[in-house]
N, C-alpha and C. Protein backbone atom coordinates (compact mmCIF):
# COMPACT_ATOMS: atom_id res chain seq x y z
N MET A 1 0.85 -1.18 0.00
CA MET A 1 0.00 0.00 0.00
C MET A 1 0.89 1.24 0.00
N THR A 2 0.48 2.24 -0.78
CA THR A 2 1.16 3.52 -0.77
C THR A 2 0.27 4.52 -0.07
N ASP A 3 0.73 5.76 0.06
CA ASP A 3 -0.12 6.80 0.65
C ASP A 3 -1.37 7.01 -0.18
N ALA A 4 -1.27 6.75 -1.49
CA ALA A 4 -2.42 6.94 -2.39
C ALA A 4 -3.39 5.77 -2.32
N GLY A 5 -2.94 4.62 -1.88
CA GLY A 5 -3.80 3.44 -1.83
C GLY A 5 -3.03 2.19 -2.17
N PRO A 6 -3.72 1.07 -2.20
CA PRO A 6 -3.04 -0.20 -2.46
C PRO A 6 -2.61 -0.34 -3.92
N ILE A 7 -1.62 -1.17 -4.11
CA ILE A 7 -1.18 -1.56 -5.45
C ILE A 7 -1.22 -3.08 -5.48
N LEU A 8 -2.02 -3.62 -6.39
CA LEU A 8 -2.13 -5.07 -6.55
C LEU A 8 -1.43 -5.46 -7.84
N GLU A 9 -0.83 -6.64 -7.85
CA GLU A 9 -0.19 -7.14 -9.07
C GLU A 9 -0.71 -8.52 -9.39
N THR A 10 -0.96 -8.73 -10.67
CA THR A 10 -1.29 -10.05 -11.19
C THR A 10 -0.19 -10.42 -12.18
N GLU A 11 -0.37 -11.51 -12.86
CA GLU A 11 0.65 -11.93 -13.82
C GLU A 11 0.92 -10.84 -14.86
N ARG A 12 -0.13 -10.21 -15.39
CA ARG A 12 0.05 -9.24 -16.47
C ARG A 12 -0.34 -7.81 -16.12
N LEU A 13 -0.89 -7.60 -14.93
CA LEU A 13 -1.50 -6.30 -14.62
C LEU A 13 -1.01 -5.71 -13.32
N ILE A 14 -1.11 -4.40 -13.26
CA ILE A 14 -1.00 -3.65 -12.01
C ILE A 14 -2.35 -2.98 -11.80
N LEU A 15 -2.90 -3.13 -10.61
CA LEU A 15 -4.15 -2.47 -10.23
C LEU A 15 -3.76 -1.43 -9.18
N ARG A 16 -4.10 -0.17 -9.45
CA ARG A 16 -3.73 0.92 -8.55
C ARG A 16 -4.79 2.00 -8.59
N VAL A 17 -4.68 2.94 -7.67
CA VAL A 17 -5.58 4.08 -7.63
C VAL A 17 -5.37 4.89 -8.92
N PRO A 18 -6.46 5.40 -9.52
CA PRO A 18 -6.32 6.20 -10.73
C PRO A 18 -5.41 7.41 -10.54
N GLN A 19 -4.68 7.73 -11.59
CA GLN A 19 -3.78 8.89 -11.62
C GLN A 19 -4.16 9.77 -12.81
N ALA A 20 -3.78 11.04 -12.73
CA ALA A 20 -4.13 12.01 -13.78
C ALA A 20 -3.70 11.51 -15.16
N GLY A 21 -2.56 10.84 -15.26
CA GLY A 21 -2.07 10.35 -16.54
C GLY A 21 -2.95 9.28 -17.18
N ASP A 22 -3.89 8.72 -16.41
CA ASP A 22 -4.80 7.72 -16.94
C ASP A 22 -5.93 8.35 -17.76
N PHE A 23 -6.11 9.65 -17.62
CA PHE A 23 -7.30 10.28 -18.18
C PHE A 23 -7.40 10.20 -19.70
N GLU A 24 -6.31 10.30 -20.43
CA GLU A 24 -6.41 10.28 -21.90
C GLU A 24 -7.10 9.01 -22.38
N ARG A 25 -6.67 7.88 -21.87
CA ARG A 25 -7.28 6.61 -22.29
C ARG A 25 -8.71 6.49 -21.74
N TYR A 26 -8.95 7.02 -20.54
CA TYR A 26 -10.31 7.02 -19.99
C TYR A 26 -11.23 7.84 -20.89
N ALA A 27 -10.77 9.00 -21.33
CA ALA A 27 -11.58 9.85 -22.22
C ALA A 27 -11.87 9.11 -23.53
N GLU A 28 -10.90 8.36 -24.04
CA GLU A 28 -11.13 7.55 -25.25
C GLU A 28 -12.23 6.53 -24.99
N LEU A 29 -12.16 5.85 -23.84
CA LEU A 29 -13.18 4.86 -23.49
C LEU A 29 -14.55 5.51 -23.44
N MET A 30 -14.68 6.64 -22.77
CA MET A 30 -15.97 7.28 -22.61
C MET A 30 -16.50 7.89 -23.92
N ALA A 31 -15.65 8.08 -24.89
CA ALA A 31 -16.07 8.60 -26.20
C ALA A 31 -16.42 7.48 -27.18
N ASP A 32 -16.16 6.23 -26.80
CA ASP A 32 -16.44 5.08 -27.65
C ASP A 32 -17.88 4.62 -27.39
N GLU A 33 -18.79 5.01 -28.27
CA GLU A 33 -20.21 4.75 -28.04
C GLU A 33 -20.52 3.27 -27.85
N ASP A 34 -19.84 2.40 -28.55
CA ASP A 34 -20.09 0.97 -28.40
C ASP A 34 -19.60 0.47 -27.04
N ALA A 35 -18.44 0.95 -26.60
CA ALA A 35 -17.85 0.48 -25.34
C ALA A 35 -18.64 0.93 -24.11
N VAL A 36 -19.33 2.06 -24.21
CA VAL A 36 -20.02 2.60 -23.03
C VAL A 36 -21.55 2.54 -23.14
N ARG A 37 -22.06 1.83 -24.12
CA ARG A 37 -23.51 1.80 -24.32
C ARG A 37 -24.26 1.22 -23.13
N TYR A 38 -23.61 0.37 -22.33
CA TYR A 38 -24.29 -0.23 -21.18
C TYR A 38 -23.97 0.46 -19.85
N ILE A 39 -23.13 1.48 -19.89
CA ILE A 39 -22.75 2.17 -18.65
C ILE A 39 -23.02 3.67 -18.75
N GLY A 40 -24.10 4.03 -19.41
CA GLY A 40 -24.49 5.43 -19.45
C GLY A 40 -24.30 6.13 -20.78
N GLY A 41 -23.55 5.51 -21.69
CA GLY A 41 -23.40 6.08 -23.02
C GLY A 41 -22.27 7.08 -23.16
N TYR A 42 -22.15 7.57 -24.40
CA TYR A 42 -21.10 8.52 -24.79
C TYR A 42 -21.02 9.69 -23.82
N MET A 43 -19.80 10.12 -23.56
CA MET A 43 -19.58 11.24 -22.69
C MET A 43 -18.51 12.15 -23.30
N PRO A 44 -18.82 13.44 -23.51
CA PRO A 44 -17.79 14.35 -24.03
C PRO A 44 -16.65 14.50 -23.01
N ARG A 45 -15.53 14.95 -23.50
CA ARG A 45 -14.29 15.01 -22.71
C ARG A 45 -14.46 15.72 -21.37
N ALA A 46 -15.09 16.89 -21.34
CA ALA A 46 -15.23 17.64 -20.08
C ALA A 46 -16.07 16.86 -19.07
N ALA A 47 -17.14 16.22 -19.52
CA ALA A 47 -17.97 15.41 -18.63
C ALA A 47 -17.20 14.16 -18.19
N ALA A 48 -16.41 13.59 -19.10
CA ALA A 48 -15.60 12.42 -18.76
C ALA A 48 -14.60 12.76 -17.66
N TRP A 49 -14.03 13.96 -17.71
CA TRP A 49 -13.09 14.38 -16.67
C TRP A 49 -13.77 14.40 -15.29
N ARG A 50 -14.98 14.94 -15.25
CA ARG A 50 -15.70 14.98 -13.98
C ARG A 50 -16.00 13.57 -13.47
N ARG A 51 -16.40 12.68 -14.36
CA ARG A 51 -16.67 11.31 -13.93
C ARG A 51 -15.38 10.60 -13.53
N PHE A 52 -14.30 10.84 -14.25
CA PHE A 52 -13.01 10.24 -13.93
C PHE A 52 -12.62 10.55 -12.48
N LEU A 53 -12.90 11.76 -12.04
CA LEU A 53 -12.51 12.18 -10.69
C LEU A 53 -13.29 11.46 -9.59
N GLN A 54 -14.39 10.78 -9.94
CA GLN A 54 -15.15 10.03 -8.93
C GLN A 54 -14.30 8.96 -8.27
N MET A 55 -13.52 8.25 -9.02
CA MET A 55 -12.78 7.12 -8.44
C MET A 55 -11.68 7.59 -7.48
N PRO A 56 -10.77 8.51 -7.88
CA PRO A 56 -9.79 8.95 -6.88
C PRO A 56 -10.47 9.63 -5.69
N GLY A 57 -11.60 10.31 -5.93
CA GLY A 57 -12.34 10.92 -4.82
C GLY A 57 -12.90 9.87 -3.88
N ALA A 58 -13.46 8.79 -4.43
CA ALA A 58 -13.99 7.72 -3.59
C ALA A 58 -12.86 7.05 -2.80
N TRP A 59 -11.69 6.88 -3.43
CA TRP A 59 -10.55 6.33 -2.68
C TRP A 59 -10.22 7.23 -1.49
N ALA A 60 -10.20 8.54 -1.72
CA ALA A 60 -9.84 9.47 -0.64
C ALA A 60 -10.89 9.50 0.47
N VAL A 61 -12.17 9.42 0.11
CA VAL A 61 -13.24 9.56 1.09
C VAL A 61 -13.64 8.22 1.72
N GLN A 62 -13.81 7.17 0.90
CA GLN A 62 -14.29 5.87 1.39
C GLN A 62 -13.17 4.88 1.70
N GLY A 63 -12.01 5.10 1.10
CA GLY A 63 -10.92 4.14 1.27
C GLY A 63 -10.96 2.99 0.27
N PHE A 64 -11.87 3.09 -0.71
CA PHE A 64 -11.93 2.09 -1.79
C PHE A 64 -12.68 2.70 -2.97
N ALA A 65 -12.42 2.13 -4.12
CA ALA A 65 -13.10 2.46 -5.38
C ALA A 65 -12.49 1.56 -6.44
N MET A 66 -12.92 1.75 -7.67
CA MET A 66 -12.35 0.95 -8.74
C MET A 66 -10.88 1.31 -8.93
N PHE A 67 -10.11 0.29 -9.26
CA PHE A 67 -8.70 0.45 -9.57
C PHE A 67 -8.53 0.81 -11.04
N SER A 68 -7.45 1.51 -11.36
CA SER A 68 -7.01 1.58 -12.74
C SER A 68 -6.26 0.30 -13.05
N LEU A 69 -6.55 -0.28 -14.22
CA LEU A 69 -5.83 -1.48 -14.67
C LEU A 69 -4.74 -1.04 -15.63
N VAL A 70 -3.53 -1.42 -15.35
CA VAL A 70 -2.39 -1.03 -16.17
C VAL A 70 -1.65 -2.30 -16.60
N GLU A 71 -1.41 -2.40 -17.90
CA GLU A 71 -0.68 -3.54 -18.44
C GLU A 71 0.79 -3.42 -18.04
N LYS A 72 1.33 -4.44 -17.37
CA LYS A 72 2.71 -4.40 -16.90
C LYS A 72 3.71 -4.20 -18.04
N SER A 73 3.52 -4.94 -19.12
CA SER A 73 4.52 -4.94 -20.19
C SER A 73 4.63 -3.61 -20.92
N SER A 74 3.54 -2.84 -20.97
CA SER A 74 3.56 -1.60 -21.75
C SER A 74 3.31 -0.34 -20.92
N GLY A 75 2.75 -0.49 -19.73
CA GLY A 75 2.36 0.67 -18.93
C GLY A 75 1.06 1.30 -19.39
N ARG A 76 0.38 0.67 -20.34
CA ARG A 76 -0.85 1.21 -20.93
C ARG A 76 -2.04 1.00 -20.00
N TRP A 77 -2.84 2.06 -19.84
CA TRP A 77 -4.08 1.99 -19.06
C TRP A 77 -5.09 1.19 -19.86
N LEU A 78 -5.70 0.18 -19.22
CA LEU A 78 -6.63 -0.72 -19.91
C LEU A 78 -8.08 -0.50 -19.51
N GLY A 79 -8.32 0.06 -18.35
CA GLY A 79 -9.68 0.25 -17.89
C GLY A 79 -9.72 0.44 -16.40
N GLN A 80 -10.93 0.27 -15.86
CA GLN A 80 -11.09 0.36 -14.41
C GLN A 80 -11.95 -0.80 -13.94
N LEU A 81 -11.65 -1.25 -12.73
CA LEU A 81 -12.35 -2.42 -12.20
C LEU A 81 -12.12 -2.45 -10.70
N GLY A 82 -13.18 -2.81 -9.98
CA GLY A 82 -13.00 -2.99 -8.55
C GLY A 82 -14.22 -2.61 -7.74
N PRO A 83 -14.02 -2.44 -6.43
CA PRO A 83 -15.13 -2.18 -5.52
C PRO A 83 -15.75 -0.81 -5.74
N TRP A 84 -17.08 -0.78 -5.63
CA TRP A 84 -17.81 0.45 -5.93
C TRP A 84 -19.13 0.41 -5.16
N LYS A 85 -19.37 1.42 -4.35
CA LYS A 85 -20.63 1.45 -3.62
C LYS A 85 -21.04 2.90 -3.34
N PRO A 86 -21.60 3.56 -4.35
CA PRO A 86 -22.11 4.91 -4.11
C PRO A 86 -23.36 4.88 -3.23
N GLU A 87 -23.73 6.00 -2.72
CA GLU A 87 -24.93 6.15 -1.89
C GLU A 87 -26.14 5.56 -2.62
N GLY A 88 -26.89 4.71 -1.92
CA GLY A 88 -28.12 4.14 -2.47
C GLY A 88 -27.93 2.96 -3.39
N TRP A 89 -26.70 2.50 -3.57
CA TRP A 89 -26.42 1.38 -4.49
C TRP A 89 -27.01 0.10 -3.91
N PRO A 90 -27.42 -0.86 -4.75
CA PRO A 90 -28.09 -2.06 -4.24
C PRO A 90 -27.18 -3.09 -3.56
N GLY A 91 -25.90 -2.81 -3.46
CA GLY A 91 -25.01 -3.74 -2.79
C GLY A 91 -23.55 -3.35 -2.98
N ASN A 92 -22.68 -4.22 -2.55
CA ASN A 92 -21.23 -4.04 -2.66
C ASN A 92 -20.79 -4.51 -4.03
N GLU A 93 -20.61 -3.59 -4.93
CA GLU A 93 -20.35 -3.97 -6.32
C GLU A 93 -18.87 -4.12 -6.63
N ILE A 94 -18.57 -5.10 -7.47
CA ILE A 94 -17.30 -5.15 -8.18
C ILE A 94 -17.67 -4.83 -9.62
N GLY A 95 -17.36 -3.61 -10.03
CA GLY A 95 -17.71 -3.14 -11.36
C GLY A 95 -16.51 -3.16 -12.28
N TYR A 96 -16.78 -3.00 -13.57
CA TYR A 96 -15.70 -3.03 -14.53
C TYR A 96 -16.10 -2.34 -15.83
N SER A 97 -15.11 -1.69 -16.45
CA SER A 97 -15.23 -1.16 -17.80
C SER A 97 -13.83 -1.10 -18.38
N LEU A 98 -13.69 -1.68 -19.56
CA LEU A 98 -12.37 -1.75 -20.18
C LEU A 98 -12.38 -1.07 -21.55
N HIS A 99 -11.24 -0.47 -21.86
CA HIS A 99 -11.01 0.12 -23.18
C HIS A 99 -11.17 -0.96 -24.23
N ARG A 100 -11.70 -0.60 -25.36
CA ARG A 100 -11.97 -1.59 -26.42
C ARG A 100 -10.74 -2.44 -26.77
N ASP A 101 -9.56 -1.85 -26.78
CA ASP A 101 -8.39 -2.64 -27.19
C ASP A 101 -7.94 -3.64 -26.12
N ALA A 102 -8.61 -3.64 -24.97
CA ALA A 102 -8.32 -4.62 -23.92
C ALA A 102 -9.34 -5.76 -23.88
N TRP A 103 -10.35 -5.69 -24.72
CA TRP A 103 -11.40 -6.72 -24.73
C TRP A 103 -10.87 -8.05 -25.24
N GLY A 104 -11.42 -9.13 -24.72
CA GLY A 104 -11.15 -10.46 -25.25
C GLY A 104 -9.79 -11.04 -24.93
N LYS A 105 -9.08 -10.46 -23.97
CA LYS A 105 -7.72 -10.92 -23.65
C LYS A 105 -7.62 -11.51 -22.25
N GLY A 106 -8.76 -11.58 -21.56
CA GLY A 106 -8.76 -12.15 -20.21
C GLY A 106 -8.34 -11.18 -19.12
N TYR A 107 -8.11 -9.93 -19.47
CA TYR A 107 -7.69 -8.95 -18.46
C TYR A 107 -8.77 -8.73 -17.39
N ALA A 108 -10.03 -8.66 -17.79
CA ALA A 108 -11.10 -8.38 -16.83
C ALA A 108 -11.18 -9.48 -15.78
N LYS A 109 -11.13 -10.72 -16.20
CA LYS A 109 -11.20 -11.82 -15.23
C LYS A 109 -9.98 -11.81 -14.31
N GLU A 110 -8.81 -11.62 -14.89
CA GLU A 110 -7.57 -11.59 -14.10
C GLU A 110 -7.63 -10.49 -13.04
N ALA A 111 -8.06 -9.30 -13.46
CA ALA A 111 -8.15 -8.17 -12.53
C ALA A 111 -9.27 -8.37 -11.52
N ALA A 112 -10.39 -8.92 -11.96
CA ALA A 112 -11.53 -9.12 -11.05
C ALA A 112 -11.17 -10.08 -9.93
N ILE A 113 -10.44 -11.13 -10.22
CA ILE A 113 -10.03 -12.07 -9.18
C ILE A 113 -9.22 -11.34 -8.11
N ALA A 114 -8.26 -10.52 -8.54
CA ALA A 114 -7.44 -9.77 -7.59
C ALA A 114 -8.28 -8.76 -6.80
N ALA A 115 -9.19 -8.07 -7.49
CA ALA A 115 -10.01 -7.05 -6.82
C ALA A 115 -11.01 -7.67 -5.85
N ILE A 116 -11.58 -8.82 -6.20
CA ILE A 116 -12.51 -9.50 -5.30
C ILE A 116 -11.75 -10.01 -4.07
N ASP A 117 -10.60 -10.62 -4.30
CA ASP A 117 -9.78 -11.07 -3.17
C ASP A 117 -9.48 -9.90 -2.23
N TRP A 118 -9.04 -8.77 -2.80
CA TRP A 118 -8.69 -7.60 -2.00
C TRP A 118 -9.92 -7.07 -1.26
N SER A 119 -11.05 -7.00 -1.93
CA SER A 119 -12.26 -6.45 -1.32
C SER A 119 -12.72 -7.31 -0.14
N PHE A 120 -12.75 -8.62 -0.31
CA PHE A 120 -13.15 -9.48 0.80
C PHE A 120 -12.15 -9.41 1.95
N ALA A 121 -10.86 -9.31 1.64
CA ALA A 121 -9.84 -9.28 2.68
C ALA A 121 -9.77 -7.95 3.42
N ASN A 122 -10.15 -6.85 2.75
CA ASN A 122 -9.91 -5.53 3.33
C ASN A 122 -11.14 -4.70 3.65
N LEU A 123 -12.29 -5.05 3.10
CA LEU A 123 -13.47 -4.20 3.28
C LEU A 123 -14.51 -4.80 4.22
N GLY A 124 -14.31 -6.04 4.63
CA GLY A 124 -15.26 -6.68 5.53
C GLY A 124 -16.58 -7.04 4.87
N TRP A 125 -16.61 -7.10 3.56
CA TRP A 125 -17.85 -7.42 2.84
C TRP A 125 -18.16 -8.90 2.97
N SER A 126 -19.45 -9.22 3.09
CA SER A 126 -19.88 -10.62 3.15
C SER A 126 -20.39 -11.11 1.80
N ASP A 127 -20.59 -10.17 0.87
CA ASP A 127 -21.00 -10.56 -0.48
C ASP A 127 -20.63 -9.45 -1.45
N ILE A 128 -20.71 -9.80 -2.74
CA ILE A 128 -20.47 -8.83 -3.81
C ILE A 128 -21.57 -8.98 -4.85
N ILE A 129 -21.76 -7.91 -5.61
CA ILE A 129 -22.68 -7.95 -6.74
C ILE A 129 -22.01 -7.33 -7.96
N HIS A 130 -22.66 -7.55 -9.11
CA HIS A 130 -22.32 -6.88 -10.36
C HIS A 130 -23.65 -6.40 -10.91
N CYS A 131 -23.80 -5.10 -11.12
CA CYS A 131 -25.01 -4.54 -11.73
C CYS A 131 -24.79 -4.49 -13.23
N ILE A 132 -25.57 -5.26 -13.98
CA ILE A 132 -25.31 -5.44 -15.41
C ILE A 132 -26.58 -5.22 -16.22
N ASP A 133 -26.47 -4.42 -17.27
CA ASP A 133 -27.58 -4.27 -18.21
C ASP A 133 -27.89 -5.66 -18.77
N PRO A 134 -29.17 -6.06 -18.79
CA PRO A 134 -29.53 -7.41 -19.26
C PRO A 134 -29.10 -7.71 -20.70
N ASP A 135 -28.83 -6.69 -21.50
CA ASP A 135 -28.38 -6.91 -22.88
C ASP A 135 -26.86 -7.07 -22.98
N ASN A 136 -26.14 -6.85 -21.91
CA ASN A 136 -24.68 -6.87 -21.94
C ASN A 136 -24.17 -8.30 -21.70
N GLN A 137 -24.21 -9.10 -22.74
CA GLN A 137 -23.85 -10.51 -22.63
C GLN A 137 -22.40 -10.73 -22.23
N ALA A 138 -21.49 -9.87 -22.67
CA ALA A 138 -20.08 -10.04 -22.30
C ALA A 138 -19.89 -9.88 -20.79
N SER A 139 -20.54 -8.90 -20.20
CA SER A 139 -20.41 -8.69 -18.75
C SER A 139 -21.10 -9.81 -17.97
N ILE A 140 -22.23 -10.26 -18.45
CA ILE A 140 -22.91 -11.38 -17.79
C ILE A 140 -22.02 -12.62 -17.82
N HIS A 141 -21.40 -12.87 -18.97
CA HIS A 141 -20.51 -14.03 -19.09
C HIS A 141 -19.34 -13.92 -18.10
N LEU A 142 -18.76 -12.73 -17.95
CA LEU A 142 -17.67 -12.55 -16.99
C LEU A 142 -18.16 -12.81 -15.57
N ALA A 143 -19.31 -12.25 -15.21
CA ALA A 143 -19.86 -12.48 -13.86
C ALA A 143 -20.04 -13.97 -13.60
N GLU A 144 -20.55 -14.69 -14.58
CA GLU A 144 -20.73 -16.14 -14.42
C GLU A 144 -19.39 -16.86 -14.28
N ARG A 145 -18.39 -16.48 -15.08
CA ARG A 145 -17.07 -17.11 -14.98
C ARG A 145 -16.44 -16.84 -13.62
N LEU A 146 -16.83 -15.74 -12.98
CA LEU A 146 -16.33 -15.42 -11.64
C LEU A 146 -17.11 -16.15 -10.55
N GLY A 147 -18.17 -16.87 -10.95
CA GLY A 147 -18.95 -17.64 -10.00
C GLY A 147 -20.21 -16.95 -9.51
N SER A 148 -20.51 -15.77 -10.02
CA SER A 148 -21.72 -15.07 -9.60
C SER A 148 -22.94 -15.66 -10.30
N THR A 149 -24.08 -15.58 -9.62
CA THR A 149 -25.34 -16.06 -10.17
C THR A 149 -26.34 -14.91 -10.18
N TYR A 150 -27.35 -15.07 -11.03
CA TYR A 150 -28.37 -14.04 -11.20
C TYR A 150 -29.24 -13.97 -9.96
N ARG A 151 -29.41 -12.76 -9.42
CA ARG A 151 -30.21 -12.54 -8.22
C ARG A 151 -31.52 -11.81 -8.50
N GLY A 152 -31.68 -11.29 -9.72
CA GLY A 152 -32.92 -10.60 -10.07
C GLY A 152 -32.68 -9.18 -10.55
N ILE A 153 -33.78 -8.50 -10.78
CA ILE A 153 -33.74 -7.11 -11.25
C ILE A 153 -33.32 -6.21 -10.09
N GLY A 154 -32.48 -5.25 -10.40
CA GLY A 154 -32.03 -4.30 -9.39
C GLY A 154 -32.57 -2.91 -9.63
N GLU A 155 -32.59 -2.13 -8.59
CA GLU A 155 -33.00 -0.73 -8.68
C GLU A 155 -31.83 0.14 -8.28
N LEU A 156 -31.49 1.06 -9.18
CA LEU A 156 -30.41 1.99 -8.91
C LEU A 156 -30.99 3.31 -8.41
N PRO A 157 -30.18 4.07 -7.66
CA PRO A 157 -30.65 5.36 -7.16
C PRO A 157 -30.66 6.41 -8.27
N GLU A 158 -31.31 7.54 -8.02
CA GLU A 158 -31.29 8.67 -8.96
C GLU A 158 -29.84 9.07 -9.21
N PRO A 159 -29.47 9.46 -10.38
CA PRO A 159 -30.28 9.68 -11.58
C PRO A 159 -30.37 8.45 -12.48
N PHE A 160 -30.05 7.27 -11.95
CA PHE A 160 -30.02 6.04 -12.75
C PHE A 160 -31.27 5.19 -12.57
N GLN A 161 -32.29 5.71 -11.93
CA GLN A 161 -33.47 4.93 -11.56
C GLN A 161 -34.19 4.30 -12.75
N ASP A 162 -34.01 4.82 -13.95
CA ASP A 162 -34.67 4.26 -15.13
C ASP A 162 -33.78 3.27 -15.89
N SER A 163 -32.58 3.02 -15.40
CA SER A 163 -31.67 2.09 -16.04
C SER A 163 -32.12 0.65 -15.81
N LYS A 164 -32.02 -0.16 -16.89
CA LYS A 164 -32.28 -1.59 -16.75
C LYS A 164 -31.04 -2.22 -16.12
N VAL A 165 -31.24 -2.97 -15.05
CA VAL A 165 -30.09 -3.60 -14.44
C VAL A 165 -30.49 -4.93 -13.80
N GLY A 166 -29.70 -5.95 -14.15
CA GLY A 166 -29.81 -7.23 -13.48
C GLY A 166 -28.69 -7.30 -12.46
N VAL A 167 -28.96 -7.93 -11.34
CA VAL A 167 -27.95 -8.06 -10.30
C VAL A 167 -27.45 -9.50 -10.26
N TRP A 168 -26.15 -9.63 -10.38
CA TRP A 168 -25.46 -10.92 -10.30
C TRP A 168 -24.61 -10.84 -9.04
N GLY A 169 -24.46 -11.94 -8.32
CA GLY A 169 -23.66 -11.85 -7.11
C GLY A 169 -23.30 -13.19 -6.51
N GLN A 170 -22.55 -13.09 -5.42
CA GLN A 170 -22.13 -14.27 -4.67
C GLN A 170 -21.68 -13.84 -3.28
N THR A 171 -21.70 -14.81 -2.37
CA THR A 171 -21.25 -14.56 -1.02
C THR A 171 -19.74 -14.75 -0.92
N ARG A 172 -19.20 -14.25 0.16
CA ARG A 172 -17.78 -14.45 0.45
C ARG A 172 -17.47 -15.95 0.55
N GLU A 173 -18.35 -16.70 1.21
CA GLU A 173 -18.14 -18.14 1.39
C GLU A 173 -18.11 -18.86 0.04
N HIS A 174 -19.02 -18.50 -0.85
CA HIS A 174 -19.04 -19.11 -2.18
C HIS A 174 -17.74 -18.79 -2.91
N TRP A 175 -17.30 -17.53 -2.84
CA TRP A 175 -16.06 -17.13 -3.49
C TRP A 175 -14.88 -17.93 -2.97
N LEU A 176 -14.75 -18.00 -1.65
CA LEU A 176 -13.60 -18.68 -1.07
C LEU A 176 -13.63 -20.18 -1.37
N ALA A 177 -14.81 -20.78 -1.46
CA ALA A 177 -14.92 -22.20 -1.73
C ALA A 177 -14.45 -22.57 -3.14
N ARG A 178 -14.58 -21.65 -4.07
CA ARG A 178 -14.19 -22.00 -5.44
C ARG A 178 -13.07 -21.13 -5.98
N ARG A 179 -12.48 -20.28 -5.15
CA ARG A 179 -11.45 -19.34 -5.58
C ARG A 179 -10.28 -20.02 -6.29
N ASN A 180 -9.76 -21.10 -5.77
CA ASN A 180 -8.60 -21.75 -6.37
C ASN A 180 -8.87 -22.35 -7.73
N SER A 181 -10.10 -22.61 -8.07
CA SER A 181 -10.43 -23.17 -9.38
C SER A 181 -10.51 -22.09 -10.46
N LEU A 182 -10.41 -20.82 -10.09
CA LEU A 182 -10.58 -19.72 -11.06
C LEU A 182 -9.30 -19.35 -11.78
N ALA A 183 -8.18 -19.56 -11.19
CA ALA A 183 -6.91 -19.07 -11.76
C ALA A 183 -6.57 -19.65 -13.10
């Protein structure tokens, strides 16, 4: 852990608190209409900057938030993933969004395993969820590969109250029972 927060390492990734230098790739992600269609849609650069600041702010105030995912071999920012629980959220979420050029390479699963391990070990959570648009088959598939099961329709707080969201989740006990089979 640094003064800024924890640093996790996997075989190919570094998970750390977001830094200002991550913003260029984050802005690219938020401008990619296909990549963000299930997480609120296209966002112009100035609005993306304000949203980007949510994660380092949550780290400072709550002591947790999504990590920036950085590829070890290149130093390239790949996305964000990790614990997330804004006011009124339906549970302790492990959320994720990756830049298009990081899709299909197993980075999300690799990072999610590390983030879930860290969250259960450090946040005292007894369960986790993933709030997923029912049309987002790639995210549903990842949740299932992580061992989460469908729990039903979820309700998000304002201003997201009209968003379609299915809740996928699992308990700490379920995670620990099958954790070694995930690697």
